[in-house]
Amino acid sequence: MEEYRKDMDSILEDGIITLEEHEEIERHFRRDERLDAMAEGEKKGAKEKSINIARNMLKNNFSINDIHIATGLSKKQISNIIVQ
């Protein structure tokens, strides 16, 4: 993405696009970066929720296989929770 931005700055300097067009492209980049950050945060939150559910299931003596099915966590991830 950084390389693309450098290319866009070069295109602006060469007069191929206008400043307004450049700013519009930058607005789209910022929007896309925000959307990516939001999606990453949601993904992280979902994983943390699954881990918390797995911990509660482990406390209630559910099998690793049942926890795997219920949470979508891998059996290795669940085993790592047990070790913690």
PDB file of N, CA and C in Angstrom:
ATOM      1  N   MET A   1       0.831  -1.178   0.000  1.00  0.00           N
ATOM      2  CA  MET A   1       0.000   0.000   0.000  1.00  0.00           C
ATOM      3  C   MET A   1       0.879   1.245   0.000  1.00  0.00           C
ATOM      4  N   GLU A   2       1.953   1.194   0.747  1.00  0.00           N
ATOM      5  CA  GLU A   2       2.862   2.351   0.806  1.00  0.00           C
ATOM      6  C   GLU A   2       3.478   2.618  -0.563  1.00  0.00           C
ATOM      7  N   GLU A   3       3.814   1.545  -1.280  1.00  0.00           N
ATOM      8  CA  GLU A   3       4.384   1.699  -2.620  1.00  0.00           C
ATOM      9  C   GLU A   3       3.373   2.368  -3.554  1.00  0.00           C
ATOM     10  N   TYR A   4       2.124   1.966  -3.417  1.00  0.00           N
ATOM     11  CA  TYR A   4       1.075   2.560  -4.245  1.00  0.00           C
ATOM     12  C   TYR A   4       0.938   4.050  -3.955  1.00  0.00           C
ATOM     13  N   ARG A   5       1.000   4.399  -2.685  1.00  0.00           N
ATOM     14  CA  ARG A   5       0.907   5.816  -2.318  1.00  0.00           C
ATOM     15  C   ARG A   5       2.054   6.624  -2.914  1.00  0.00           C
ATOM     16  N   LYS A   6       3.244   6.069  -2.906  1.00  0.00           N
ATOM     17  CA  LYS A   6       4.387   6.755  -3.513  1.00  0.00           C
ATOM     18  C   LYS A   6       4.145   6.965  -5.006  1.00  0.00           C
ATOM     19  N   ASP A   7       3.603   5.933  -5.644  1.00  0.00           N
ATOM     20  CA  ASP A   7       3.290   6.051  -7.064  1.00  0.00           C
ATOM     21  C   ASP A   7       2.253   7.146  -7.305  1.00  0.00           C
ATOM     22  N   MET A   8       1.251   7.203  -6.447  1.00  0.00           N
ATOM     23  CA  MET A   8       0.211   8.226  -6.594  1.00  0.00           C
ATOM     24  C   MET A   8       0.790   9.621  -6.389  1.00  0.00           C
ATOM     25  N   ASP A   9       1.661   9.774  -5.426  1.00  0.00           N
ATOM     26  CA  ASP A   9       2.312  11.075  -5.209  1.00  0.00           C
ATOM     27  C   ASP A   9       3.117  11.473  -6.444  1.00  0.00           C
ATOM     28  N   SER A  10       3.786  10.498  -7.055  1.00  0.00           N
ATOM     29  CA  SER A  10       4.569  10.764  -8.253  1.00  0.00           C
ATOM     30  C   SER A  10       3.665  11.185  -9.404  1.00  0.00           C
ATOM     31  N   ILE A  11       2.530  10.514  -9.545  1.00  0.00           N
ATOM     32  CA  ILE A  11       1.574  10.857 -10.597  1.00  0.00           C
ATOM     33  C   ILE A  11       1.054  12.269 -10.389  1.00  0.00           C
ATOM     34  N   LEU A  12       0.792  12.637  -9.131  1.00  0.00           N
ATOM     35  CA  LEU A  12       0.341  13.998  -8.828  1.00  0.00           C
ATOM     36  C   LEU A  12       1.410  15.006  -9.215  1.00  0.00           C
ATOM     37  N   GLU A  13       2.636  14.730  -8.834  1.00  0.00           N
ATOM     38  CA  GLU A  13       3.733  15.644  -9.146  1.00  0.00           C
ATOM     39  C   GLU A  13       3.926  15.801 -10.652  1.00  0.00           C
ATOM     40  N   ASP A  14       3.667  14.737 -11.400  1.00  0.00           N
ATOM     41  CA  ASP A  14       3.832  14.790 -12.860  1.00  0.00           C
ATOM     42  C   ASP A  14       2.647  15.466 -13.548  1.00  0.00           C
ATOM     43  N   GLY A  15       1.612  15.813 -12.780  1.00  0.00           N
ATOM     44  CA  GLY A  15       0.459  16.497 -13.356  1.00  0.00           C
ATOM     45  C   GLY A  15      -0.524  15.582 -14.059  1.00  0.00           C
ATOM     46  N   ILE A  16      -0.409  14.272 -13.835  1.00  0.00           N
ATOM     47  CA  ILE A  16      -1.299  13.318 -14.500  1.00  0.00           C
ATOM     48  C   ILE A  16      -2.694  13.358 -13.873  1.00  0.00           C
ATOM     49  N   ILE A  17      -2.754  13.573 -12.556  1.00  0.00           N
ATOM     50  CA  ILE A  17      -4.042  13.735 -11.885  1.00  0.00           C
ATOM     51  C   ILE A  17      -4.037  15.071 -11.156  1.00  0.00           C
ATOM     52  N   THR A  18      -5.232  15.527 -10.812  1.00  0.00           N
ATOM     53  CA  THR A  18      -5.346  16.789 -10.093  1.00  0.00           C
ATOM     54  C   THR A  18      -5.203  16.541  -8.607  1.00  0.00           C
ATOM     55  N   LEU A  19      -4.993  17.613  -7.878  1.00  0.00           N
ATOM     56  CA  LEU A  19      -4.919  17.519  -6.425  1.00  0.00           C
ATOM     57  C   LEU A  19      -6.223  16.972  -5.863  1.00  0.00           C
ATOM     58  N   GLU A  20      -7.346  17.393  -6.411  1.00  0.00           N
ATOM     59  CA  GLU A  20      -8.653  16.916  -5.945  1.00  0.00           C
ATOM     60  C   GLU A  20      -8.800  15.407  -6.154  1.00  0.00           C
ATOM     61  N   GLU A  21      -8.333  14.924  -7.304  1.00  0.00           N
ATOM     62  CA  GLU A  21      -8.385  13.485  -7.557  1.00  0.00           C
ATOM     63  C   GLU A  21      -7.479  12.733  -6.591  1.00  0.00           C
ATOM     64  N   HIS A  22      -6.322  13.288  -6.334  1.00  0.00           N
ATOM     65  CA  HIS A  22      -5.381  12.682  -5.389  1.00  0.00           C
ATOM     66  C   HIS A  22      -6.004  12.616  -3.994  1.00  0.00           C
ATOM     67  N   GLU A  23      -6.638  13.702  -3.574  1.00  0.00           N
ATOM     68  CA  GLU A  23      -7.268  13.729  -2.245  1.00  0.00           C
ATOM     69  C   GLU A  23      -8.411  12.731  -2.161  1.00  0.00           C
ATOM     70  N   GLU A  24      -9.157  12.576  -3.242  1.00  0.00           N
ATOM     71  CA  GLU A  24     -10.245  11.603  -3.261  1.00  0.00           C
ATOM     72  C   GLU A  24      -9.698  10.182  -3.105  1.00  0.00           C
ATOM     73  N   ILE A  25      -8.616   9.893  -3.791  1.00  0.00           N
ATOM     74  CA  ILE A  25      -7.975   8.581  -3.670  1.00  0.00           C
ATOM     75  C   ILE A  25      -7.493   8.362  -2.239  1.00  0.00           C
ATOM     76  N   GLU A  26      -6.901   9.377  -1.643  1.00  0.00           N
ATOM     77  CA  GLU A  26      -6.439   9.278  -0.254  1.00  0.00           C
ATOM     78  C   GLU A  26      -7.600   9.021   0.702  1.00  0.00           C
ATOM     79  N   ARG A  27      -8.737   9.687   0.467  1.00  0.00           N
ATOM     80  CA  ARG A  27      -9.919   9.452   1.315  1.00  0.00           C
ATOM     81  C   ARG A  27     -10.356   7.993   1.229  1.00  0.00           C
ATOM     82  N   HIS A  28     -10.306   7.436   0.039  1.00  0.00           N
ATOM     83  CA  HIS A  28     -10.677   6.027  -0.128  1.00  0.00           C
ATOM     84  C   HIS A  28      -9.688   5.117   0.604  1.00  0.00           C
ATOM     85  N   PHE A  29      -8.405   5.440   0.533  1.00  0.00           N
ATOM     86  CA  PHE A  29      -7.407   4.654   1.262  1.00  0.00           C
ATOM     87  C   PHE A  29      -7.670   4.697   2.763  1.00  0.00           C
ATOM     88  N   ARG A  30      -7.921   5.882   3.283  1.00  0.00           N
ATOM     89  CA  ARG A  30      -8.171   6.002   4.727  1.00  0.00           C
ATOM     90  C   ARG A  30      -9.415   5.229   5.127  1.00  0.00           C
ATOM     91  N   ARG A  31     -10.474   5.303   4.293  1.00  0.00           N
ATOM     92  CA  ARG A  31     -11.695   4.561   4.583  1.00  0.00           C
ATOM     93  C   ARG A  31     -11.404   3.058   4.587  1.00  0.00           C
ATOM     94  N   ASP A  32     -10.675   2.599   3.565  1.00  0.00           N
ATOM     95  CA  ASP A  32     -10.354   1.174   3.482  1.00  0.00           C
ATOM     96  C   ASP A  32      -9.503   0.727   4.669  1.00  0.00           C
ATOM     97  N   GLU A  33      -8.570   1.561   5.083  1.00  0.00           N
ATOM     98  CA  GLU A  33      -7.737   1.224   6.244  1.00  0.00           C
ATOM     99  C   GLU A  33      -8.583   1.128   7.502  1.00  0.00           C
ATOM    100  N   ARG A  34      -9.546   2.036   7.656  1.00  0.00           N
ATOM    101  CA  ARG A  34     -10.445   1.974   8.824  1.00  0.00           C
ATOM    102  C   ARG A  34     -11.281   0.704   8.789  1.00  0.00           C
ATOM    103  N   LEU A  35     -11.809   0.378   7.613  1.00  0.00           N
ATOM    104  CA  LEU A  35     -12.611  -0.839   7.487  1.00  0.00           C
ATOM    105  C   LEU A  35     -11.780  -2.077   7.791  1.00  0.00           C
ATOM    106  N   ASP A  36     -10.547  -2.102   7.310  1.00  0.00           N
ATOM    107  CA  ASP A  36      -9.653  -3.228   7.611  1.00  0.00           C
ATOM    108  C   ASP A  36      -9.389  -3.337   9.108  1.00  0.00           C
ATOM    109  N   ALA A  37      -9.153  -2.193   9.759  1.00  0.00           N
ATOM    110  CA  ALA A  37      -8.894  -2.186  11.204  1.00  0.00           C
ATOM    111  C   ALA A  37     -10.124  -2.668  11.968  1.00  0.00           C
ATOM    112  N   MET A  38     -11.305  -2.233  11.533  1.00  0.00           N
ATOM    113  CA  MET A  38     -12.533  -2.668  12.199  1.00  0.00           C
ATOM    114  C   MET A  38     -12.735  -4.171  12.039  1.00  0.00           C
ATOM    115  N   ALA A  39     -12.495  -4.682  10.837  1.00  0.00           N
ATOM    116  CA  ALA A  39     -12.648  -6.118  10.590  1.00  0.00           C
ATOM    117  C   ALA A  39     -11.658  -6.916  11.431  1.00  0.00           C
ATOM    118  N   GLU A  40     -10.431  -6.412  11.527  1.00  0.00           N
ATOM    119  CA  GLU A  40      -9.424  -7.091  12.347  1.00  0.00           C
ATOM    120  C   GLU A  40      -9.834  -7.101  13.813  1.00  0.00           C
ATOM    121  N   GLY A  41     -10.367  -5.982  14.292  1.00  0.00           N
ATOM    122  CA  GLY A  41     -10.832  -5.906  15.682  1.00  0.00           C
ATOM    123  C   GLY A  41     -11.982  -6.862  15.946  1.00  0.00           C
ATOM    124  N   GLU A  42     -12.902  -6.949  14.995  1.00  0.00           N
ATOM    125  CA  GLU A  42     -14.025  -7.876  15.157  1.00  0.00           C
ATOM    126  C   GLU A  42     -13.536  -9.325  15.171  1.00  0.00           C
ATOM    127  N   LYS A  43     -12.585  -9.622  14.321  1.00  0.00           N
ATOM    128  CA  LYS A  43     -12.022 -10.975  14.271  1.00  0.00           C
ATOM    129  C   LYS A  43     -11.336 -11.321  15.595  1.00  0.00           C
ATOM    130  N   LYS A  44     -10.563 -10.362  16.121  1.00  0.00           N
ATOM    131  CA  LYS A  44      -9.871 -10.586  17.391  1.00  0.00           C
ATOM    132  C   LYS A  44     -10.881 -10.769  18.523  1.00  0.00           C
ATOM    133  N   GLY A  45     -11.929  -9.949  18.517  1.00  0.00           N
ATOM    134  CA  GLY A  45     -12.956 -10.059  19.548  1.00  0.00           C
ATOM    135  C   GLY A  45     -13.678 -11.399  19.496  1.00  0.00           C
ATOM    136  N   ALA A  46     -13.968 -11.873  18.296  1.00  0.00           N
ATOM    137  CA  ALA A  46     -14.636 -13.161  18.141  1.00  0.00           C
ATOM    138  C   ALA A  46     -13.750 -14.296  18.663  1.00  0.00           C
ATOM    139  N   LYS A  47     -12.451 -14.199  18.389  1.00  0.00           N
ATOM    140  CA  LYS A  47     -11.538 -15.239  18.869  1.00  0.00           C
ATOM    141  C   LYS A  47     -11.461 -15.217  20.397  1.00  0.00           C
ATOM    142  N   GLU A  48     -11.382 -14.024  20.973  1.00  0.00           N
ATOM    143  CA  GLU A  48     -11.345 -13.918  22.435  1.00  0.00           C
ATOM    144  C   GLU A  48     -12.619 -14.483  23.055  1.00  0.00           C
ATOM    145  N   LYS A  49     -13.742 -14.224  22.404  1.00  0.00           N
ATOM    146  CA  LYS A  49     -15.014 -14.762  22.908  1.00  0.00           C
ATOM    147  C   LYS A  49     -14.992 -16.287  22.864  1.00  0.00           C
ATOM    148  N   SER A  50     -14.487 -16.844  21.760  1.00  0.00           N
ATOM    149  CA  SER A  50     -14.401 -18.302  21.648  1.00  0.00           C
ATOM    150  C   SER A  50     -13.487 -18.881  22.721  1.00  0.00           C
ATOM    151  N   ILE A  51     -12.388 -18.199  23.006  1.00  0.00           N
ATOM    152  CA  ILE A  51     -11.466 -18.662  24.049  1.00  0.00           C
ATOM    153  C   ILE A  51     -12.137 -18.635  25.410  1.00  0.00           C
ATOM    154  N   ASN A  52     -12.886 -17.578  25.689  1.00  0.00           N
ATOM    155  CA  ASN A  52     -13.597 -17.501  26.977  1.00  0.00           C
ATOM    156  C   ASN A  52     -14.646 -18.593  27.094  1.00  0.00           C
ATOM    157  N   ILE A  53     -15.357 -18.859  26.016  1.00  0.00           N
ATOM    158  CA  ILE A  53     -16.338 -19.948  26.027  1.00  0.00           C
ATOM    159  C   ILE A  53     -15.628 -21.276  26.265  1.00  0.00           C
ATOM    160  N   ALA A  54     -14.499 -21.484  25.600  1.00  0.00           N
ATOM    161  CA  ALA A  54     -13.740 -22.726  25.781  1.00  0.00           C
ATOM    162  C   ALA A  54     -13.298 -22.880  27.231  1.00  0.00           C
ATOM    163  N   ARG A  55     -12.826 -21.786  27.839  1.00  0.00           N
ATOM    164  CA  ARG A  55     -12.410 -21.860  29.257  1.00  0.00           C
ATOM    165  C   ARG A  55     -13.583 -22.305  30.138  1.00  0.00           C
ATOM    166  N   ASN A  56     -14.746 -21.705  29.898  1.00  0.00           N
ATOM    167  CA  ASN A  56     -15.917 -22.080  30.695  1.00  0.00           C
ATOM    168  C   ASN A  56     -16.320 -23.528  30.454  1.00  0.00           C
ATOM    169  N   MET A  57     -16.219 -23.958  29.216  1.00  0.00           N
ATOM    170  CA  MET A  57     -16.554 -25.353  28.920  1.00  0.00           C
ATOM    171  C   MET A  57     -15.552 -26.298  29.576  1.00  0.00           C
ATOM    172  N   LEU A  58     -14.273 -25.934  29.570  1.00  0.00           N
ATOM    173  CA  LEU A  58     -13.272 -26.765  30.245  1.00  0.00           C
ATOM    174  C   LEU A  58     -13.558 -26.870  31.739  1.00  0.00           C
ATOM    175  N   LYS A  59     -13.952 -25.745  32.345  1.00  0.00           N
ATOM    176  CA  LYS A  59     -14.285 -25.756  33.776  1.00  0.00           C
ATOM    177  C   LYS A  59     -15.462 -26.681  34.063  1.00  0.00           C
ATOM    178  N   ASN A  60     -16.322 -26.866  33.053  1.00  0.00           N
ATOM    179  CA  ASN A  60     -17.494 -27.718  33.230  1.00  0.00           C
ATOM    180  C   ASN A  60     -17.304 -29.106  32.619  1.00  0.00           C
ATOM    181  N   ASN A  61     -16.027 -29.468  32.427  1.00  0.00           N
ATOM    182  CA  ASN A  61     -15.640 -30.826  32.022  1.00  0.00           C
ATOM    183  C   ASN A  61     -16.163 -31.267  30.653  1.00  0.00           C
ATOM    184  N   PHE A  62     -16.317 -30.333  29.724  1.00  0.00           N
ATOM    185  CA  PHE A  62     -16.642 -30.718  28.354  1.00  0.00           C
ATOM    186  C   PHE A  62     -15.392 -31.316  27.718  1.00  0.00           C
ATOM    187  N   SER A  63     -15.603 -32.196  26.767  1.00  0.00           N
ATOM    188  CA  SER A  63     -14.458 -32.797  26.083  1.00  0.00           C
ATOM    189  C   SER A  63     -13.844 -31.781  25.116  1.00  0.00           C
ATOM    190  N   ILE A  64     -12.575 -32.006  24.810  1.00  0.00           N
ATOM    191  CA  ILE A  64     -11.891 -31.123  23.858  1.00  0.00           C
ATOM    192  C   ILE A  64     -12.608 -31.158  22.513  1.00  0.00           C
ATOM    193  N   ASN A  65     -13.083 -32.322  22.106  1.00  0.00           N
ATOM    194  CA  ASN A  65     -13.789 -32.436  20.832  1.00  0.00           C
ATOM    195  C   ASN A  65     -15.075 -31.604  20.839  1.00  0.00           C
ATOM    196  N   ASP A  66     -15.843 -31.673  21.932  1.00  0.00           N
ATOM    197  CA  ASP A  66     -17.073 -30.881  22.030  1.00  0.00           C
ATOM    198  C   ASP A  66     -16.761 -29.383  22.009  1.00  0.00           C
ATOM    199  N   ILE A  67     -15.695 -28.994  22.677  1.00  0.00           N
ATOM    200  CA  ILE A  67     -15.297 -27.580  22.699  1.00  0.00           C
ATOM    201  C   ILE A  67     -14.878 -27.149  21.295  1.00  0.00           C
ATOM    202  N   HIS A  68     -14.141 -28.002  20.625  1.00  0.00           N
ATOM    203  CA  HIS A  68     -13.714 -27.735  19.254  1.00  0.00           C
ATOM    204  C   HIS A  68     -14.934 -27.500  18.355  1.00  0.00           C
ATOM    205  N   ILE A  69     -15.913 -28.356  18.454  1.00  0.00           N
ATOM    206  CA  ILE A  69     -17.120 -28.238  17.631  1.00  0.00           C
ATOM    207  C   ILE A  69     -17.897 -26.963  17.983  1.00  0.00           C
ATOM    208  N   ALA A  70     -18.019 -26.674  19.272  1.00  0.00           N
ATOM    209  CA  ALA A  70     -18.821 -25.531  19.706  1.00  0.00           C
ATOM    210  C   ALA A  70     -18.174 -24.184  19.403  1.00  0.00           C
ATOM    211  N   THR A  71     -16.851 -24.122  19.480  1.00  0.00           N
ATOM    212  CA  THR A  71     -16.177 -22.822  19.361  1.00  0.00           C
ATOM    213  C   THR A  71     -15.470 -22.606  18.030  1.00  0.00           C
ATOM    214  N   GLY A  72     -15.160 -23.694  17.337  1.00  0.00           N
ATOM    215  CA  GLY A  72     -14.386 -23.565  16.109  1.00  0.00           C
ATOM    216  C   GLY A  72     -12.891 -23.441  16.359  1.00  0.00           C
ATOM    217  N   LEU A  73     -12.481 -23.446  17.623  1.00  0.00           N
ATOM    218  CA  LEU A  73     -11.058 -23.414  17.940  1.00  0.00           C
ATOM    219  C   LEU A  73     -10.447 -24.767  17.607  1.00  0.00           C
ATOM    220  N   SER A  74      -9.175 -24.752  17.224  1.00  0.00           N
ATOM    221  CA  SER A  74      -8.502 -26.020  16.953  1.00  0.00           C
ATOM    222  C   SER A  74      -8.251 -26.748  18.283  1.00  0.00           C
ATOM    223  N   LYS A  75      -8.051 -28.020  18.174  1.00  0.00           N
ATOM    224  CA  LYS A  75      -7.771 -28.806  19.382  1.00  0.00           C
ATOM    225  C   LYS A  75      -6.460 -28.358  20.016  1.00  0.00           C
ATOM    226  N   LYS A  76      -5.505 -27.936  19.201  1.00  0.00           N
ATOM    227  CA  LYS A  76      -4.243 -27.413  19.733  1.00  0.00           C
ATOM    228  C   LYS A  76      -4.487 -26.118  20.510  1.00  0.00           C
ATOM    229  N   GLN A  77      -5.309 -25.220  19.966  1.00  0.00           N
ATOM    230  CA  GLN A  77      -5.617 -23.988  20.670  1.00  0.00           C
ATOM    231  C   GLN A  77      -6.276 -24.288  22.022  1.00  0.00           C
ATOM    232  N   ILE A  78      -7.164 -25.256  22.043  1.00  0.00           N
ATOM    233  CA  ILE A  78      -7.842 -25.639  23.283  1.00  0.00           C
ATOM    234  C   ILE A  78      -6.833 -26.232  24.258  1.00  0.00           C
ATOM    235  N   SER A  79      -5.929 -27.045  23.763  1.00  0.00           N
ATOM    236  CA  SER A  79      -4.890 -27.612  24.633  1.00  0.00           C
ATOM    237  C   SER A  79      -4.019 -26.515  25.233  1.00  0.00           C
ATOM    238  N   ASN A  80      -3.749 -25.484  24.464  1.00  0.00           N
ATOM    239  CA  ASN A  80      -2.971 -24.360  24.986  1.00  0.00           C
ATOM    240  C   ASN A  80      -3.705 -23.631  26.104  1.00  0.00           C
ATOM    241  N   ILE A  81      -5.022 -23.582  26.024  1.00  0.00           N
ATOM    242  CA  ILE A  81      -5.827 -22.959  27.093  1.00  0.00           C
ATOM    243  C   ILE A  81      -5.690 -23.785  28.369  1.00  0.00           C
ATOM    244  N   ILE A  82      -5.687 -25.101  28.228  1.00  0.00           N
ATOM    245  CA  ILE A  82      -5.570 -25.993  29.385  1.00  0.00           C
ATOM    246  C   ILE A  82      -4.229 -25.743  30.086  1.00  0.00           C
ATOM    247  N   VAL A  83      -3.172 -25.560  29.315  1.00  0.00           N
ATOM    248  CA  VAL A  83      -1.821 -25.379  29.864  1.00  0.00           C
ATOM    249  C   VAL A  83      -1.732 -24.058  30.627  1.00  0.00           C
ATOM    250  N   GLN A  84      -2.438 -23.058  30.155  1.00  0.00           N
ATOM    251  CA  GLN A  84      -2.371 -21.733  30.799  1.00  0.00           C
ATOM    252  C   GLN A  84      -2.963 -21.859  32.162  1.00  0.00           C
TER     253      GLN A  84
END
